[in-house]
Amino acid sequence: MNIDIFIGSYAEKGTDGIYCYTLDTASHQLKLIAKTNLVENPSYLTKSGDNGFIYCVSETNEFEGSEGGGVAVLNYEKEQFTLVDIAATKGSAPCHVLLDDNKNNLYVSNYSGGSIAMYHIEDQGKLQMCDYVLHYGCGPNKDRQEAPHVHFCGFIDGKVCAADLGIDAIKCYDVNANDNKLVHVQDIEIYKGTGVRHFIVSNKNRDLIFAVCELTSEIIVIKQNGENFEVIQRTSTLPEQSTESYAAAIKQSRNGKYILASNRGHDSIALYELMGEKLKLIKIIDSKGKYPRDFLILKDHVIVANQDSDNIAVFTFDENTGALDFTGQIEECKKPVCVIS
């Protein structure tokens, strides 16, 4: 069986930055079948289940002569990429993009800008900005939390929720049905100085949220009870007495039994089993490269993007037992930072 794997990367203007590989699940081999230089620094991608479009950020500090980055819509067909649309995000260093196929909305997280740019997807995939929300505040880490830094948007109980590393909070918004704008409803406070980066909602127990914190390399387990959120566990993604490291991605196996997180610096993947409402660390394995920023969990494989060693590593994965093993397969890829299928 072959599966298409799309990679986003850090790529200078005019150089290839989005790649499509096929994964042969029998041989565990990746084969490059397409690439494009249409977008500068396409560091994060998402794919529509409806029209097949690929949406990606252009993580820059300047876009078409103005301060900020960009967001692009690409069509991928017959191993060819074409640019459908590209628009300004009005905030610097956009680093994540969230798609709502049901409402035809797109949400971009501007890291340096500390803001969320919201777009409605018009006919033929054109983007129309319909809202822009700026965060305020700072955190105790003067080097990394001098201002808001929106790193990720996801859905919690139907709300658009933004993980802000700079202010140690997940800010939650309703989408007003009348004017299609974001309405702030509440904050989920995270421990000060932890630097919340990404989160996932458990697909096994929808009341559980797992948030990964970059600055302290921790996973925070949050339990939802109606409109209330309570932290019920915080656990390290690193072994004791480890070197300087920064947690990056967090993902869940399809059956909900296992949670994985990546460590940049320690260069590893931490594997946890969900035991009731708490996480139990099973093992921490070498990522087979440097600075693993993102990874993809498939039914029986895990694909790891190692940014600083310019490679993608292929692991086998058993979602029933948690067995996670390196296949020996490594594919060269320049500065890979996002993996989707």
Protein backbone atom coordinates (compact mmCIF):
# COMPACT_ATOMS: atom_id res chain seq x y z
CA MET A 1 0.00 0.00 0.00
CA ASN A 2 1.26 3.49 -0.88
CA ILE A 3 0.40 6.62 1.14
CA ASP A 4 1.11 10.19 0.06
CA ILE A 5 3.11 12.14 2.64
CA PHE A 6 3.42 15.94 2.37
CA ILE A 7 6.32 17.81 3.96
CA GLY A 8 6.54 21.52 4.78
CA SER A 9 9.94 23.05 5.39
CA TYR A 10 11.99 26.18 5.89
CA ALA A 11 12.93 27.22 2.38
CA GLU A 12 14.25 30.51 1.05
CA LYS A 13 12.30 32.30 -1.65
CA GLY A 14 12.63 30.54 -4.99
CA THR A 15 13.80 27.21 -3.53
CA ASP A 16 11.76 24.02 -3.12
CA GLY A 17 9.88 23.94 0.17
CA ILE A 18 6.87 21.60 -0.14
CA TYR A 19 7.49 17.96 -0.97
CA CYS A 20 5.28 14.96 -1.67
CA TYR A 21 6.62 11.48 -0.96
CA THR A 22 4.92 8.12 -1.24
CA LEU A 23 5.38 5.71 1.64
CA ASP A 24 5.45 2.04 0.69
CA THR A 25 4.06 0.53 3.87
CA ALA A 26 5.47 -2.92 3.03
CA SER A 27 9.09 -1.85 2.41
CA HIS A 28 8.88 1.26 4.68
CA GLN A 29 10.53 3.28 1.92
CA LEU A 30 9.80 6.90 1.05
CA LYS A 31 9.99 8.00 -2.58
CA LEU A 32 9.95 11.66 -3.64
CA ILE A 33 7.36 12.21 -6.37
CA ALA A 34 6.79 15.99 -6.42
CA LYS A 35 8.09 19.27 -5.02
CA THR A 36 7.45 22.98 -5.45
CA ASN A 37 9.06 26.37 -4.85
CA LEU A 38 5.80 28.33 -5.03
CA VAL A 39 5.83 29.39 -1.36
CA GLU A 40 8.61 30.82 0.78
CA ASN A 41 9.15 29.11 4.16
CA PRO A 42 6.04 26.88 3.98
CA SER A 43 6.58 25.68 7.53
CA TYR A 44 3.13 24.30 8.31
CA LEU A 45 0.56 22.60 6.08
CA THR A 46 -2.95 21.25 6.33
CA LYS A 47 -5.02 19.44 3.74
CA SER A 48 -8.72 19.70 2.95
CA GLY A 49 -10.79 16.56 2.96
CA ASP A 50 -13.35 18.16 0.67
CA ASN A 51 -11.53 19.69 -2.28
CA GLY A 52 -8.00 18.35 -1.94
CA PHE A 53 -6.48 21.81 -1.53
CA ILE A 54 -3.35 22.20 0.58
CA TYR A 55 -3.18 25.25 2.81
CA CYS A 56 0.18 26.47 4.09
CA VAL A 57 1.72 29.42 5.87
CA SER A 58 4.59 31.45 4.49
CA GLU A 59 6.54 31.98 7.70
CA THR A 60 8.17 35.32 6.94
CA ASN A 61 8.42 38.76 8.54
CA GLU A 62 7.69 40.61 5.30
CA PHE A 63 5.04 39.90 2.68
CA GLU A 64 4.71 41.86 -0.56
CA GLY A 65 6.53 44.85 0.91
CA SER A 66 4.60 45.01 4.19
CA GLU A 67 5.35 43.65 7.63
CA GLY A 68 3.99 40.15 8.22
CA GLY A 69 3.78 36.73 6.60
CA GLY A 70 1.48 34.96 4.19
CA VAL A 71 -0.92 32.07 3.80
CA ALA A 72 -1.30 30.15 0.55
CA VAL A 73 -3.76 27.79 -1.11
CA LEU A 74 -2.28 25.13 -3.38
CA ASN A 75 -3.86 22.55 -5.62
CA TYR A 76 -2.12 19.18 -5.92
CA GLU A 77 -3.12 16.99 -8.82
CA LYS A 78 -1.26 14.46 -10.97
CA GLU A 79 1.98 15.07 -9.05
CA GLN A 80 1.88 18.80 -9.79
CA PHE A 81 1.42 21.78 -7.45
CA THR A 82 -0.31 24.96 -8.62
CA LEU A 83 -0.87 28.16 -6.64
CA VAL A 84 -4.56 29.00 -6.18
CA ASP A 85 -4.24 32.04 -3.91
CA ILE A 86 -1.90 33.71 -1.43
CA ALA A 87 -2.76 36.42 1.09
CA ALA A 88 -1.16 38.50 3.84
CA THR A 89 -1.62 37.42 7.47
CA LYS A 90 -0.96 40.93 8.91
CA GLY A 91 1.28 39.35 11.54
CA SER A 92 4.89 38.22 11.45
CA ALA A 93 6.11 34.60 11.35
CA PRO A 94 2.84 32.71 10.82
CA CYS A 95 3.60 29.19 12.02
CA HIS A 96 0.36 27.19 11.98
CA VAL A 97 -2.82 26.92 9.92
CA LEU A 98 -6.13 25.35 10.99
CA LEU A 99 -8.91 24.46 8.55
CA ASP A 100 -12.63 24.19 9.29
CA ASP A 101 -14.02 22.40 6.24
CA ASN A 102 -17.59 22.59 7.57
CA LYS A 103 -17.63 26.41 7.76
CA ASN A 104 -15.06 27.04 5.01
CA ASN A 105 -12.91 29.00 7.46
CA LEU A 106 -9.15 29.10 7.88
CA TYR A 107 -7.25 30.24 10.99
CA VAL A 108 -3.59 31.28 10.91
CA SER A 109 -1.42 31.62 14.02
CA ASN A 110 1.02 34.54 13.79
CA TYR A 111 3.86 33.69 16.17
CA SER A 112 5.81 36.94 16.29
CA GLY A 113 2.68 38.95 15.62
CA GLY A 114 0.87 37.41 18.59
CA SER A 115 -2.35 37.26 16.62
CA ILE A 116 -4.90 35.11 14.80
CA ALA A 117 -5.82 35.85 11.18
CA MET A 118 -9.16 34.39 10.12
CA TYR A 119 -10.24 33.86 6.51
CA HIS A 120 -13.35 32.67 4.73
CA ILE A 121 -12.63 30.39 1.80
CA GLU A 122 -14.55 31.69 -1.19
CA ASP A 123 -15.32 29.98 -4.48
CA GLN A 124 -12.39 28.33 -6.25
CA GLY A 125 -10.36 28.48 -3.02
CA LYS A 126 -9.85 32.25 -2.82
CA LEU A 127 -9.14 33.64 0.66
CA GLN A 128 -11.02 36.58 2.17
CA MET A 129 -9.85 37.82 5.56
CA CYS A 130 -12.89 38.19 7.81
CA ASP A 131 -11.30 38.78 11.23
CA TYR A 132 -8.02 39.56 12.95
CA VAL A 133 -7.51 39.12 16.70
CA LEU A 134 -4.49 40.46 18.57
CA HIS A 135 -3.40 39.01 21.91
CA TYR A 136 -1.88 41.06 24.75
CA GLY A 137 0.40 40.31 27.69
CA CYS A 138 3.70 38.62 28.48
CA GLY A 139 5.19 35.84 30.60
CA PRO A 140 8.02 35.41 33.14
CA ASN A 141 10.61 34.17 30.61
CA LYS A 142 12.02 37.50 29.42
CA ASP A 143 13.82 35.96 26.44
CA ARG A 144 10.88 34.00 25.04
CA GLN A 145 7.77 35.53 26.61
CA GLU A 146 8.34 39.25 26.11
CA ALA A 147 5.08 39.41 24.14
CA PRO A 148 2.23 37.13 23.02
CA HIS A 149 3.26 34.34 20.65
CA VAL A 150 0.32 32.46 19.12
CA HIS A 151 1.73 29.07 18.12
CA PHE A 152 -1.28 26.90 17.31
CA CYS A 153 -5.06 26.89 16.89
CA GLY A 154 -7.27 23.87 17.42
CA PHE A 155 -10.85 22.99 18.27
CA ILE A 156 -12.09 22.32 21.81
CA ASP A 157 -15.80 21.59 22.17
CA GLY A 158 -16.55 23.46 18.92
CA LYS A 159 -14.55 26.54 19.91
CA VAL A 160 -11.46 27.87 18.12
CA CYS A 161 -8.73 27.78 20.77
CA ALA A 162 -5.28 29.36 20.44
CA ALA A 163 -2.20 28.15 22.32
CA ASP A 164 -0.17 31.26 23.17
CA LEU A 165 3.40 30.48 24.23
CA GLY A 166 4.05 34.07 25.27
CA ILE A 167 1.28 34.37 27.84
CA ASP A 168 0.93 30.74 29.05
CA ALA A 169 -2.72 30.43 28.07
CA ILE A 170 -5.09 28.77 25.63
CA LYS A 171 -7.54 31.46 24.55
CA CYS A 172 -10.94 30.18 23.40
CA TYR A 173 -13.26 31.80 20.86
CA ASP A 174 -16.73 31.16 19.53
CA VAL A 175 -17.42 31.93 15.87
CA ASN A 176 -20.34 34.32 15.55
CA ALA A 177 -22.76 32.83 13.04
CA ASN A 178 -24.06 36.24 11.95
CA ASP A 179 -20.84 37.98 10.93
CA ASN A 180 -18.33 35.06 10.97
CA LYS A 181 -16.04 36.71 13.53
CA LEU A 182 -14.24 35.41 16.59
CA VAL A 183 -15.76 36.16 20.00
CA HIS A 184 -13.53 35.58 23.03
CA VAL A 185 -15.29 33.42 25.64
CA GLN A 186 -12.63 32.23 28.10
CA ASP A 187 -8.98 31.39 28.80
CA ILE A 188 -7.47 28.11 29.91
CA GLU A 189 -4.58 29.17 32.13
CA ILE A 190 -1.37 27.12 31.96
CA TYR A 191 1.47 27.23 34.52
CA LYS A 192 3.55 30.40 34.18
CA GLY A 193 6.76 30.05 32.23
CA THR A 194 5.86 26.72 30.64
CA GLY A 195 5.23 28.14 27.17
CA VAL A 196 2.26 26.16 25.89
CA ARG A 197 2.87 25.32 22.22
CA HIS A 198 0.38 22.78 20.83
CA PHE A 199 -2.51 20.72 22.16
CA ILE A 200 -4.75 17.83 21.16
CA VAL A 201 -8.15 16.72 22.39
CA SER A 202 -8.31 13.02 23.24
CA ASN A 203 -10.14 10.95 20.63
CA LYS A 204 -10.80 8.39 23.36
CA ASN A 205 -12.16 10.69 26.07
CA ARG A 206 -13.33 14.06 24.70
CA ASP A 207 -13.08 15.62 28.17
CA LEU A 208 -9.27 15.32 28.14
CA ILE A 209 -6.86 17.82 26.55
CA PHE A 210 -3.13 17.20 26.23
CA ALA A 211 -1.03 20.37 25.91
CA VAL A 212 2.70 20.27 25.18
CA CYS A 213 4.82 23.06 26.68
CA GLU A 214 7.95 24.09 24.81
CA LEU A 215 9.89 25.96 27.49
CA THR A 216 9.69 23.31 30.22
CA SER A 217 9.34 20.21 28.01
CA GLU A 218 6.18 19.02 29.70
CA ILE A 219 2.78 17.65 28.81
CA ILE A 220 -0.09 19.16 30.77
CA VAL A 221 -3.22 17.01 31.02
CA ILE A 222 -6.38 19.11 31.35
CA LYS A 223 -9.84 17.78 32.17
CA GLN A 224 -12.92 19.61 30.97
CA ASN A 225 -16.09 19.66 33.05
CA GLY A 226 -18.67 21.81 31.28
CA GLU A 227 -17.09 25.27 31.03
CA ASN A 228 -14.45 24.50 33.68
CA PHE A 229 -10.96 23.22 32.96
CA GLU A 230 -8.72 21.59 35.58
CA VAL A 231 -5.08 20.51 35.27
CA ILE A 232 -4.91 16.92 36.52
CA GLN A 233 -1.34 16.00 35.52
CA ARG A 234 1.95 17.50 34.40
CA THR A 235 4.68 15.19 33.20
CA SER A 236 8.10 15.69 31.62
CA THR A 237 8.86 14.63 28.06
CA LEU A 238 12.53 14.13 28.99
CA PRO A 239 14.56 11.71 31.09
CA GLU A 240 16.09 13.04 34.31
CA GLN A 241 19.24 15.20 33.97
CA SER A 242 18.80 15.65 30.22
CA THR A 243 20.45 18.33 28.12
CA GLU A 244 18.75 21.59 27.06
CA SER A 245 15.71 20.72 25.00
CA TYR A 246 12.42 22.15 23.75
CA ALA A 247 9.26 20.09 23.26
CA ALA A 248 7.60 20.56 19.88
CA ALA A 249 4.80 18.37 18.52
CA ILE A 250 2.19 16.24 20.28
CA LYS A 251 0.05 13.62 18.53
CA GLN A 252 -2.26 10.74 19.43
CA SER A 253 -2.60 7.27 17.95
CA ARG A 254 -5.78 6.68 15.99
CA ASN A 255 -7.20 4.35 18.64
CA GLY A 256 -6.49 6.93 21.37
CA LYS A 257 -4.30 4.59 23.40
CA TYR A 258 -0.94 6.33 22.95
CA ILE A 259 0.35 9.90 23.04
CA LEU A 260 3.68 10.89 21.45
CA ALA A 261 5.71 14.10 21.81
CA SER A 262 8.95 15.28 20.20
CA ASN A 263 11.99 16.80 21.92
CA ARG A 264 14.28 19.21 20.07
CA GLY A 265 17.74 19.19 21.63
CA HIS A 266 17.40 15.83 23.30
CA ASP A 267 16.40 14.70 19.78
CA SER A 268 13.88 12.10 20.79
CA ILE A 269 10.26 10.95 20.73
CA ALA A 270 8.53 10.31 24.05
CA LEU A 271 5.84 7.63 24.06
CA TYR A 272 3.05 7.54 26.66
CA GLU A 273 0.13 5.22 27.27
CA LEU A 274 -3.19 6.71 28.35
CA MET A 275 -4.17 4.93 31.56
CA GLY A 276 -7.64 6.12 32.46
CA GLU A 277 -7.21 9.90 32.61
CA LYS A 278 -3.43 9.98 33.21
CA LEU A 279 -0.38 9.43 31.02
CA LYS A 280 2.25 6.81 31.78
CA LEU A 281 5.66 7.21 30.13
CA ILE A 282 6.54 4.00 28.29
CA LYS A 283 9.84 4.94 26.65
CA ILE A 284 11.85 7.69 24.98
CA ILE A 285 13.52 6.80 21.68
CA ASP A 286 16.11 8.46 19.45
CA SER A 287 14.54 10.45 16.59
CA LYS A 288 17.39 9.40 14.25
CA GLY A 289 18.20 13.02 13.47
CA LYS A 290 18.58 16.47 14.96
CA TYR A 291 15.79 18.76 16.18
CA PRO A 292 12.64 16.70 15.48
CA ARG A 293 10.05 19.42 15.03
CA ASP A 294 7.07 17.41 13.81
CA PHE A 295 5.94 13.84 13.16
CA LEU A 296 3.01 11.99 11.67
CA ILE A 297 1.29 8.97 13.22
CA LEU A 298 -0.21 6.57 10.69
CA LYS A 299 -1.95 3.27 11.35
CA ASP A 300 1.32 1.34 11.47
CA HIS A 301 4.07 3.93 10.94
CA VAL A 302 5.45 7.10 12.48
CA ILE A 303 7.21 9.57 10.17
CA VAL A 304 9.58 12.01 11.93
CA ALA A 305 10.83 15.31 10.44
CA ASN A 306 14.30 16.13 11.77
CA GLN A 307 14.83 19.81 10.96
CA ASP A 308 18.53 20.35 11.65
CA SER A 309 19.84 17.10 10.15
CA ASP A 310 17.79 17.54 6.94
CA ASN A 311 16.14 14.15 7.08
CA ILE A 312 12.91 12.20 7.52
CA ALA A 313 13.05 9.01 9.57
CA VAL A 314 10.57 6.11 9.23
CA PHE A 315 9.47 4.05 12.24
CA THR A 316 7.05 1.16 12.48
CA PHE A 317 4.30 1.53 15.07
CA ASP A 318 1.84 -0.91 16.63
CA GLU A 319 -1.08 1.04 18.09
CA ASN A 320 -2.21 -2.01 20.05
CA THR A 321 1.07 -2.65 21.91
CA GLY A 322 2.86 0.70 21.56
CA ALA A 323 5.86 -0.90 19.85
CA LEU A 324 7.78 1.90 18.11
CA ASP A 325 10.87 0.82 16.17
CA PHE A 326 13.23 2.42 13.64
CA THR A 327 13.06 0.76 10.21
CA GLY A 328 16.51 1.90 9.11
CA GLN A 329 14.91 4.09 6.44
CA ILE A 330 16.05 7.73 6.31
CA GLU A 331 15.24 10.10 3.45
CA GLU A 332 17.08 13.35 2.82
CA CYS A 333 14.93 16.48 2.95
CA LYS A 334 16.11 20.03 3.56
CA LYS A 335 14.86 21.56 6.87
CA PRO A 336 11.62 19.53 7.19
CA VAL A 337 9.33 20.96 9.90
CA CYS A 338 5.82 19.62 9.16
CA VAL A 339 4.48 16.20 8.10
CA ILE A 340 0.89 15.49 7.02
CA SER A 341 -0.87 12.89 4.89
